C-alpha atoms as a PDB file:
ATOM      1  CA  MET A   1     -19.373  -4.182  -3.988  1.00  0.00           C
ATOM      2  CA  ASN A   2     -22.730  -3.976  -2.250  1.00  0.00           C
ATOM      3  CA  THR A   3     -25.432  -1.436  -3.063  1.00  0.00           C
ATOM      4  CA  ARG A   4     -25.083   0.556   0.152  1.00  0.00           C
ATOM      5  CA  ILE A   5     -21.350   1.109  -0.387  1.00  0.00           C
ATOM      6  CA  ASN A   6     -22.004   2.345  -3.919  1.00  0.00           C
ATOM      7  CA  GLU A   7     -24.698   4.695  -2.609  1.00  0.00           C
ATOM      8  CA  LEU A   8     -22.384   6.149   0.019  1.00  0.00           C
ATOM      9  CA  LEU A   9     -19.592   6.729  -2.494  1.00  0.00           C
ATOM     10  CA  THR A  10     -21.910   8.508  -4.924  1.00  0.00           C
ATOM     11  CA  GLU A  11     -23.238  10.709  -2.106  1.00  0.00           C
ATOM     12  CA  MET A  12     -19.736  12.025  -1.319  1.00  0.00           C
ATOM     13  CA  PRO A  13     -18.384  15.071  -3.191  1.00  0.00           C
ATOM     14  CA  PRO A  14     -15.884  14.024  -5.878  1.00  0.00           C
ATOM     15  CA  VAL A  15     -12.237  15.008  -6.097  1.00  0.00           C
ATOM     16  CA  THR A  16     -10.407  14.635  -9.395  1.00  0.00           C
ATOM     17  CA  LEU A  17      -6.980  13.163 -10.002  1.00  0.00           C
ATOM     18  CA  ASP A  18      -5.700  16.619 -10.966  1.00  0.00           C
ATOM     19  CA  GLU A  19      -6.911  18.080  -7.670  1.00  0.00           C
ATOM     20  CA  ILE A  20      -5.429  15.293  -5.597  1.00  0.00           C
ATOM     21  CA  THR A  21      -2.029  15.691  -7.261  1.00  0.00           C
ATOM     22  CA  ASN A  22      -1.333  18.629  -4.946  1.00  0.00           C
ATOM     23  CA  LEU A  23      -1.746  16.294  -1.979  1.00  0.00           C
ATOM     24  CA  ARG A  24       0.632  13.543  -3.106  1.00  0.00           C
ATOM     25  CA  LEU A  25       2.623  13.899   0.121  1.00  0.00           C
ATOM     26  CA  MET A  26       5.815  12.349  -1.221  1.00  0.00           C
ATOM     27  CA  GLU A  27       7.396  13.049   2.196  1.00  0.00           C
ATOM     28  CA  ARG A  28       4.866  12.201   4.823  1.00  0.00           C
ATOM     29  CA  MET A  29       3.784  10.567   8.056  1.00  0.00           C
ATOM     30  CA  ASP A  30       1.779   7.360   7.539  1.00  0.00           C
ATOM     31  CA  SER A  31      -0.565   5.601   9.945  1.00  0.00           C
ATOM     32  CA  LYS A  32      -2.045   2.212   9.029  1.00  0.00           C
ATOM     33  CA  TYR A  33      -5.074   0.371  10.367  1.00  0.00           C
ATOM     34  CA  VAL A  34      -6.167  -3.200   9.619  1.00  0.00           C
ATOM     35  CA  VAL A  35      -9.849  -4.142  10.011  1.00  0.00           C
ATOM     36  CA  SER A  36     -12.503  -6.392   8.516  1.00  0.00           C
ATOM     37  CA  ALA A  37     -13.993  -5.298   5.191  1.00  0.00           C
ATOM     38  CA  LEU A  38     -17.378  -5.571   6.929  1.00  0.00           C
ATOM     39  CA  PHE A  39     -16.533  -2.254   8.628  1.00  0.00           C
ATOM     40  CA  LEU A  40     -16.528  -0.383   5.297  1.00  0.00           C
ATOM     41  CA  PRO A  41     -20.199   0.773   5.204  1.00  0.00           C
ATOM     42  CA  ARG A  42     -19.981   2.216   8.711  1.00  0.00           C
ATOM     43  CA  LEU A  43     -16.661   3.875   7.904  1.00  0.00           C
ATOM     44  CA  LEU A  44     -18.069   5.554   4.788  1.00  0.00           C
ATOM     45  CA  GLU A  45     -21.114   6.773   6.737  1.00  0.00           C
ATOM     46  CA  GLU A  46     -18.781   8.538   9.181  1.00  0.00           C
ATOM     47  CA  MET A  47     -16.528   9.893   6.445  1.00  0.00           C
ATOM     48  CA  LYS A  48     -19.299  11.252   4.214  1.00  0.00           C
ATOM     49  CA  PRO A  49     -19.705  14.700   5.852  1.00  0.00           C
ATOM     50  CA  LEU A  50     -15.943  15.289   6.067  1.00  0.00           C
ATOM     51  CA  PHE A  51     -14.332  13.785   2.963  1.00  0.00           C
ATOM     52  CA  ARG A  52     -14.327  13.861  -0.819  1.00  0.00           C
ATOM     53  CA  VAL A  53     -13.798  10.699  -2.871  1.00  0.00           C
ATOM     54  CA  GLN A  54     -11.492  10.400  -5.870  1.00  0.00           C
ATOM     55  CA  VAL A  55     -13.319   9.686  -9.124  1.00  0.00           C
ATOM     56  CA  ILE A  56     -11.492   8.680 -12.315  1.00  0.00           C
ATOM     57  CA  SER A  57     -13.515   8.152 -15.498  1.00  0.00           C
ATOM     58  CA  GLY A  58     -16.646   7.710 -13.405  1.00  0.00           C
ATOM     59  CA  ALA A  59     -15.089   4.994 -11.196  1.00  0.00           C
ATOM     60  CA  TYR A  60     -14.706   5.230  -7.418  1.00  0.00           C
ATOM     61  CA  ILE A  61     -12.605   2.081  -7.003  1.00  0.00           C
ATOM     62  CA  ALA A  62      -9.350   1.465  -8.912  1.00  0.00           C
ATOM     63  CA  ALA A  63      -7.306  -1.692  -9.463  1.00  0.00           C
ATOM     64  CA  TYR A  64      -3.636  -1.599  -8.425  1.00  0.00           C
ATOM     65  CA  ARG A  65      -0.772  -4.032  -8.941  1.00  0.00           C
ATOM     66  CA  THR A  66       2.515  -3.780  -7.051  1.00  0.00           C
ATOM     67  CA  GLN A  67       5.609  -5.838  -7.826  1.00  0.00           C
ATOM     68  CA  TYR A  68       8.382  -5.832  -5.217  1.00  0.00           C
ATOM     69  CA  MET A  69      12.040  -6.435  -5.928  1.00  0.00           C
ATOM     70  CA  ASP A  70      14.491  -7.781  -3.370  1.00  0.00           C
ATOM     71  CA  THR A  71      17.884  -9.410  -3.128  1.00  0.00           C
ATOM     72  CA  HIS A  72      18.252 -13.182  -3.242  1.00  0.00           C
ATOM     73  CA  ALA A  73      18.652 -13.135   0.564  1.00  0.00           C
ATOM     74  CA  LEU A  74      15.543 -10.919   1.014  1.00  0.00           C
ATOM     75  CA  ASP A  75      17.596  -8.118   2.575  1.00  0.00           C
ATOM     76  CA  MET A  76      14.819  -5.523   2.294  1.00  0.00           C
ATOM     77  CA  PHE A  77      12.310  -7.895   3.851  1.00  0.00           C
ATOM     78  CA  LEU A  78      14.763  -8.623   6.684  1.00  0.00           C
ATOM     79  CA  MET A  79      15.338  -4.893   7.314  1.00  0.00           C
ATOM     80  CA  HIS A  80      11.671  -4.633   8.245  1.00  0.00           C
ATOM     81  CA  HIS A  81      11.497  -7.951  10.090  1.00  0.00           C
ATOM     82  CA  ASN A  82      14.544  -7.133  12.204  1.00  0.00           C
ATOM     83  CA  GLY A  83      13.148  -3.742  13.187  1.00  0.00           C
ATOM     84  CA  LYS A  84      15.693  -1.616  11.353  1.00  0.00           C
ATOM     85  CA  LEU A  85      14.397   1.944  11.531  1.00  0.00           C
ATOM     86  CA  ASN A  86      16.075   3.115   8.318  1.00  0.00           C
ATOM     87  CA  ARG A  87      14.788   0.776   5.619  1.00  0.00           C
ATOM     88  CA  GLN A  88      13.832   0.680   1.972  1.00  0.00           C
ATOM     89  CA  LYS A  89      11.538  -0.988  -0.540  1.00  0.00           C
ATOM     90  CA  VAL A  90      11.939  -1.122  -4.319  1.00  0.00           C
ATOM     91  CA  ARG A  91       8.752  -1.742  -6.258  1.00  0.00           C
ATOM     92  CA  ILE A  92       6.782  -1.124  -9.432  1.00  0.00           C
ATOM     93  CA  ARG A  93       3.336   0.354  -8.817  1.00  0.00           C
ATOM     94  CA  SER A  94       0.907  -0.125 -11.709  1.00  0.00           C
ATOM     95  CA  TYR A  95      -2.443   1.590 -12.136  1.00  0.00           C
ATOM     96  CA  VAL A  96      -4.321  -1.085 -14.021  1.00  0.00           C
ATOM     97  CA  GLU A  97      -7.071   0.934 -15.709  1.00  0.00           C
ATOM     98  CA  SER A  98      -4.738   3.659 -16.996  1.00  0.00           C
ATOM     99  CA  GLY A  99      -1.893   1.291 -17.919  1.00  0.00           C
ATOM    100  CA  LEU A 100       0.620   3.541 -16.139  1.00  0.00           C
ATOM    101  CA  SER A 101       3.512   2.044 -14.142  1.00  0.00           C
ATOM    102  CA  PHE A 102       6.173   3.663 -11.962  1.00  0.00           C
ATOM    103  CA  LEU A 103       9.386   2.314 -10.510  1.00  0.00           C
ATOM    104  CA  GLU A 104       9.418   3.529  -6.911  1.00  0.00           C
ATOM    105  CA  ILE A 105      12.015   3.596  -4.167  1.00  0.00           C
ATOM    106  CA  LYS A 106      10.385   4.053  -0.790  1.00  0.00           C
ATOM    107  CA  ASN A 107      12.491   4.943   2.264  1.00  0.00           C
ATOM    108  CA  LYS A 108      11.405   5.080   5.878  1.00  0.00           C
ATOM    109  CA  ASN A 109      13.716   6.802   8.358  1.00  0.00           C
ATOM    110  CA  ASN A 110      14.212   6.517  12.117  1.00  0.00           C
ATOM    111  CA  LYS A 111      11.854   9.462  12.667  1.00  0.00           C
ATOM    112  CA  GLY A 112       8.963   7.515  11.140  1.00  0.00           C
ATOM    113  CA  ARG A 113       8.953   9.701   8.006  1.00  0.00           C
ATOM    114  CA  THR A 114       8.395   8.172   4.587  1.00  0.00           C
ATOM    115  CA  SER A 115      10.062   9.504   1.434  1.00  0.00           C
ATOM    116  CA  LYS A 116       9.365   8.203  -2.048  1.00  0.00           C
ATOM    117  CA  TRP A 117      11.017   8.738  -5.431  1.00  0.00           C
ATOM    118  CA  ARG A 118       9.667   7.346  -8.667  1.00  0.00           C
ATOM    119  CA  ILE A 119      10.064   7.356 -12.432  1.00  0.00           C
ATOM    120  CA  PRO A 120       7.722   6.037 -15.147  1.00  0.00           C
ATOM    121  CA  VAL A 121       8.538   2.645 -16.637  1.00  0.00           C
ATOM    122  CA  HIS A 122       7.044   0.611 -19.461  1.00  0.00           C
ATOM    123  CA  SER A 123       7.706  -2.956 -18.310  1.00  0.00           C
ATOM    124  CA  SER A 124       5.247  -4.454 -15.836  1.00  0.00           C
ATOM    125  CA  PRO A 125       5.217  -7.042 -14.498  1.00  0.00           C
ATOM    126  CA  LEU A 126       8.956  -7.708 -14.726  1.00  0.00           C
ATOM    127  CA  LEU A 127      10.407 -11.063 -15.610  1.00  0.00           C
ATOM    128  CA  SER A 128      13.907  -9.959 -14.572  1.00  0.00           C
ATOM    129  CA  MET A 129      15.796  -6.784 -13.692  1.00  0.00           C
ATOM    130  CA  SER A 130      17.098  -6.626 -17.253  1.00  0.00           C
ATOM    131  CA  ASP A 131      13.624  -5.333 -18.172  1.00  0.00           C
ATOM    132  CA  LEU A 132      14.610  -2.161 -16.284  1.00  0.00           C
ATOM    133  CA  ALA A 133      17.773  -1.433 -18.249  1.00  0.00           C
ATOM    134  CA  ASP A 134      16.701   2.167 -18.879  1.00  0.00           C
ATOM    135  CA  ALA A 135      16.151   2.722 -15.149  1.00  0.00           C
ATOM    136  CA  GLN A 136      19.643   1.672 -14.043  1.00  0.00           C
ATOM    137  CA  PRO A 137      20.875   5.251 -13.348  1.00  0.00           C
ATOM    138  CA  PHE A 138      17.830   5.866 -11.118  1.00  0.00           C
ATOM    139  CA  LEU A 139      18.373   2.613  -9.213  1.00  0.00           C
ATOM    140  CA  ASN A 140      22.115   3.108  -8.848  1.00  0.00           C
ATOM    141  CA  ALA A 141      21.606   6.628  -7.490  1.00  0.00           C
ATOM    142  CA  ASN A 142      18.887   5.790  -4.964  1.00  0.00           C
ATOM    143  CA  ALA A 143      18.726   2.086  -4.083  1.00  0.00           C
ATOM    144  CA  MET A 144      20.579   0.600  -1.117  1.00  0.00           C
ATOM    145  CA  PHE A 145      21.416  -2.532  -3.122  1.00  0.00           C
ATOM    146  CA  ARG A 146      22.834  -3.054  -6.585  1.00  0.00           C
ATOM    147  CA  SER A 147      20.228  -3.709  -9.255  1.00  0.00           C
ATOM    148  CA  GLU A 148      22.128  -6.809 -10.411  1.00  0.00           C
ATOM    149  CA  ASP A 149      21.647  -8.283  -6.928  1.00  0.00           C
ATOM    150  CA  MET A 150      17.860  -7.825  -7.061  1.00  0.00           C
ATOM    151  CA  SER A 151      15.066  -9.733  -8.772  1.00  0.00           C
ATOM    152  CA  PRO A 152      11.234  -9.814  -8.664  1.00  0.00           C
ATOM    153  CA  ALA A 153      10.093 -11.217  -5.321  1.00  0.00           C
ATOM    154  CA  LEU A 154       6.360 -10.669  -4.737  1.00  0.00           C
ATOM    155  CA  SER A 155       3.317  -9.175  -6.442  1.00  0.00           C
ATOM    156  CA  SER A 156       0.196  -7.875  -4.743  1.00  0.00           C
ATOM    157  CA  HIS A 157      -3.145  -7.012  -6.328  1.00  0.00           C
ATOM    158  CA  PHE A 158      -5.842  -4.962  -4.628  1.00  0.00           C
ATOM    159  CA  ARG A 159      -8.673  -2.502  -5.170  1.00  0.00           C
ATOM    160  CA  ARG A 160      -8.309   1.013  -3.760  1.00  0.00           C
ATOM    161  CA  MET A 161     -10.540   3.928  -2.815  1.00  0.00           C
ATOM    162  CA  THR A 162      -8.888   7.305  -2.197  1.00  0.00           C
ATOM    163  CA  PHE A 163     -10.272  10.185  -0.144  1.00  0.00           C
ATOM    164  CA  VAL A 164      -9.227  13.725   0.749  1.00  0.00           C
ATOM    165  CA  ASN A 165     -10.685  15.612   3.684  1.00  0.00           C
ATOM    166  CA  ARG A 166     -12.495  18.833   2.866  1.00  0.00           C
ATOM    167  CA  LYS A 167      -9.758  20.860   4.542  1.00  0.00           C
ATOM    168  CA  ALA A 168      -7.231  19.215   2.164  1.00  0.00           C
ATOM    169  CA  THR A 169      -4.834  18.337   4.982  1.00  0.00           C
ATOM    170  CA  GLU A 170      -4.903  14.549   4.728  1.00  0.00           C
ATOM    171  CA  ARG A 171      -5.316  11.744   2.216  1.00  0.00           C
ATOM    172  CA  ILE A 172      -6.866   8.370   2.978  1.00  0.00           C
ATOM    173  CA  THR A 173      -6.550   5.126   1.061  1.00  0.00           C
ATOM    174  CA  VAL A 174      -8.795   2.115   1.629  1.00  0.00           C
ATOM    175  CA  ASP A 175      -7.531  -1.166   0.147  1.00  0.00           C
ATOM    176  CA  ILE A 176      -9.731  -4.235  -0.282  1.00  0.00           C
ATOM    177  CA  ARG A 177      -9.669  -7.596  -2.144  1.00  0.00           C
ATOM    178  CA  LEU A 178      -5.981  -8.124  -1.514  1.00  0.00           C
ATOM    179  CA  SER A 179      -4.084 -11.065  -3.041  1.00  0.00           C
ATOM    180  CA  PHE A 180      -0.413 -12.087  -3.283  1.00  0.00           C
ATOM    181  CA  LEU A 181       1.762 -14.075  -5.676  1.00  0.00           C
ATOM    182  CA  ASN A 182       5.306 -15.041  -4.732  1.00  0.00           C
ATOM    183  CA  HIS A 183       7.507 -15.062  -7.836  1.00  0.00           C
ATOM    184  CA  ARG A 184      10.097 -17.338  -6.232  1.00  0.00           C
ATOM    185  CA  THR A 185       7.925 -20.005  -4.603  1.00  0.00           C
ATOM    186  CA  GLY A 186       4.919 -19.783  -6.925  1.00  0.00           C
ATOM    187  CA  ARG A 187       2.594 -19.688  -3.912  1.00  0.00           C
ATOM    188  CA  ARG A 188      -0.494 -17.486  -3.589  1.00  0.00           C
ATOM    189  CA  ALA A 189      -2.468 -16.112  -0.650  1.00  0.00           C
ATOM    190  CA  SER A 190      -5.718 -14.144  -0.495  1.00  0.00           C
ATOM    191  CA  PRO A 191      -6.730 -12.414   2.770  1.00  0.00           C
ATOM    192  CA  GLU A 192     -10.159 -11.769   1.261  1.00  0.00           C
ATOM    193  CA  GLN A 193     -11.831 -10.090   4.240  1.00  0.00           C
ATOM    194  CA  LEU A 194      -8.862  -7.871   5.081  1.00  0.00           C
ATOM    195  CA  MET A 195      -9.198  -4.103   4.691  1.00  0.00           C
ATOM    196  CA  ILE A 196      -6.152  -1.853   5.014  1.00  0.00           C
ATOM    197  CA  LEU A 197      -6.679   1.799   5.868  1.00  0.00           C
ATOM    198  CA  GLU A 198      -3.882   4.331   5.563  1.00  0.00           C
ATOM    199  CA  LEU A 199      -3.775   7.924   6.738  1.00  0.00           C
ATOM    200  CA  LYS A 200      -1.189  10.101   4.990  1.00  0.00           C
ATOM    201  CA  GLN A 201      -0.319  13.535   6.384  1.00  0.00           C
ATOM    202  CA  ASP A 202       2.505  16.015   5.965  1.00  0.00           C
ATOM    203  CA  GLY A 203       3.559  15.668   9.599  1.00  0.00           C
ATOM    204  CA  ARG A 204       1.460  14.848  12.652  1.00  0.00           C
ATOM    205  CA  GLN A 205      -1.567  17.105  13.092  1.00  0.00           C
ATOM    206  CA  CYS A 206      -5.253  16.963  13.939  1.00  0.00           C
ATOM    207  CA  SER A 207      -6.958  14.318  11.794  1.00  0.00           C
ATOM    208  CA  ASP A 208     -10.638  13.884  10.955  1.00  0.00           C
ATOM    209  CA  PHE A 209      -9.990  10.276   9.927  1.00  0.00           C
ATOM    210  CA  ARG A 210      -8.067   9.392  13.077  1.00  0.00           C
ATOM    211  CA  ASN A 211     -10.936  10.763  15.150  1.00  0.00           C
ATOM    212  CA  ILE A 212     -13.404   8.493  13.336  1.00  0.00           C
ATOM    213  CA  LEU A 213     -11.280   5.405  14.030  1.00  0.00           C
ATOM    214  CA  HIS A 214     -10.687   6.449  17.632  1.00  0.00           C
ATOM    215  CA  ARG A 215     -14.445   6.509  18.224  1.00  0.00           C
ATOM    216  CA  ALA A 216     -14.622   2.987  16.778  1.00  0.00           C
ATOM    217  CA  ARG A 217     -11.737   1.906  19.064  1.00  0.00           C
ATOM    218  CA  ILE A 218      -9.531   1.031  16.106  1.00  0.00           C
ATOM    219  CA  LYS A 219      -5.844   1.569  16.782  1.00  0.00           C
ATOM    220  CA  PRO A 220      -2.961   2.031  14.330  1.00  0.00           C
ATOM    221  CA  VAL A 221      -0.730  -0.950  13.605  1.00  0.00           C
ATOM    222  CA  SER A 222       2.491  -1.553  11.747  1.00  0.00           C
ATOM    223  CA  PHE A 223       1.598  -3.385   8.551  1.00  0.00           C
ATOM    224  CA  SER A 224       3.548  -4.027   5.356  1.00  0.00           C
ATOM    225  CA  LYS A 225       1.889  -5.692   2.365  1.00  0.00           C
ATOM    226  CA  TYR A 226       5.305  -6.851   1.200  1.00  0.00           C
ATOM    227  CA  CYS A 227       6.263  -8.422   4.517  1.00  0.00           C
ATOM    228  CA  MET A 228       2.895 -10.064   5.163  1.00  0.00           C
ATOM    229  CA  GLY A 229       2.666 -11.326   1.599  1.00  0.00           C
ATOM    230  CA  THR A 230       6.176 -12.773   1.824  1.00  0.00           C
ATOM    231  CA  VAL A 231       5.488 -14.566   5.098  1.00  0.00           C
ATOM    232  CA  LEU A 232       2.219 -15.992   3.769  1.00  0.00           C
ATOM    233  CA  THR A 233       3.758 -17.308   0.548  1.00  0.00           C
ATOM    234  CA  ASP A 234       7.317 -18.284   1.507  1.00  0.00           C
ATOM    235  CA  PRO A 235       7.576 -21.020   4.175  1.00  0.00           C
ATOM    236  CA  HIS A 236      11.315 -20.375   4.512  1.00  0.00           C
ATOM    237  CA  ALA A 237      11.045 -16.632   5.208  1.00  0.00           C
ATOM    238  CA  LYS A 238      11.929 -15.521   8.726  1.00  0.00           C
ATOM    239  CA  TYR A 239       8.736 -14.559  10.549  1.00  0.00           C
ATOM    240  CA  ASN A 240       9.355 -14.536  14.325  1.00  0.00           C
ATOM    241  CA  ARG A 241       8.705 -10.796  14.598  1.00  0.00           C
ATOM    242  CA  PHE A 242       5.393 -11.150  12.718  1.00  0.00           C
ATOM    243  CA  LYS A 243       4.099 -14.272  14.511  1.00  0.00           C
ATOM    244  CA  SER A 244       1.676 -12.527  16.883  1.00  0.00           C
ATOM    245  CA  LYS A 245       0.355 -10.337  14.055  1.00  0.00           C
ATOM    246  CA  LEU A 246      -0.200 -13.377  11.843  1.00  0.00           C
ATOM    247  CA  ASN A 247      -2.145 -15.068  14.632  1.00  0.00           C
ATOM    248  CA  THR A 248      -4.314 -11.991  15.087  1.00  0.00           C
ATOM    249  CA  LEU A 249      -5.014 -11.643  11.374  1.00  0.00           C
ATOM    250  CA  SER A 250      -5.312 -15.342  10.536  1.00  0.00           C
ATOM    251  CA  VAL A 251      -9.120 -15.060  10.264  1.00  0.00           C
ATOM    252  CA  PHE A 252      -8.612 -13.066   7.031  1.00  0.00           C
ATOM    253  CA  PHE A 253      -6.274 -15.472   5.260  1.00  0.00           C
ATOM    254  CA  ARG A 254      -7.108 -18.031   2.592  1.00  0.00           C
ATOM    255  CA  TYR A 255      -4.311 -19.980   0.867  1.00  0.00           C
END
């Protein structure tokens, strides 16, 4: 991370993990933006007067690992690819520095609203679904597919910065240094210059962050780490719906 980025982060007021807990937005409206990581210094300059940055144990940037489960036929991947409005992802989100992991079920409905349920788990990364024996009641109650029909499909690693606006009406995540590992093909991909921005709000309302991106002529896009990682690491995965997006973003990819 370059010196200027570190300076900008330290110049922003901090927000603690305890404070940000009240803005978890487990049912929310999400907007995603995909840009070059070279845009980060300018973005932070614009955000500095309006946002606070999350600080945990003196660190502004945290390491995350996400492991996605899917059926053998990649049904959850295909839900997204085929444009199904009601769809689901099953994943384990791990916070590397703290050692905490959560099994999450993430639903998106036909109104564009995202709902997420999660429980803590001890096993990460999984070798098989049998590692989640204690979580079977949670999966059976909430997942669209039977746990015995699922297995680990893809892992992603990235570094994340988290921000809250001073009015406490929106939360922003900025993901950099993204990499993928496909558990079924063994292939890896690293879109090293890719930066993923996500705006999370409890419903659509005026947004300081959206205004910043609008001035920079950056528009929201549909982007799924799971889907893009799968397409980049599985040559047999269906990708017609993502072809134009892959062409646009190909400058970021290294295999």
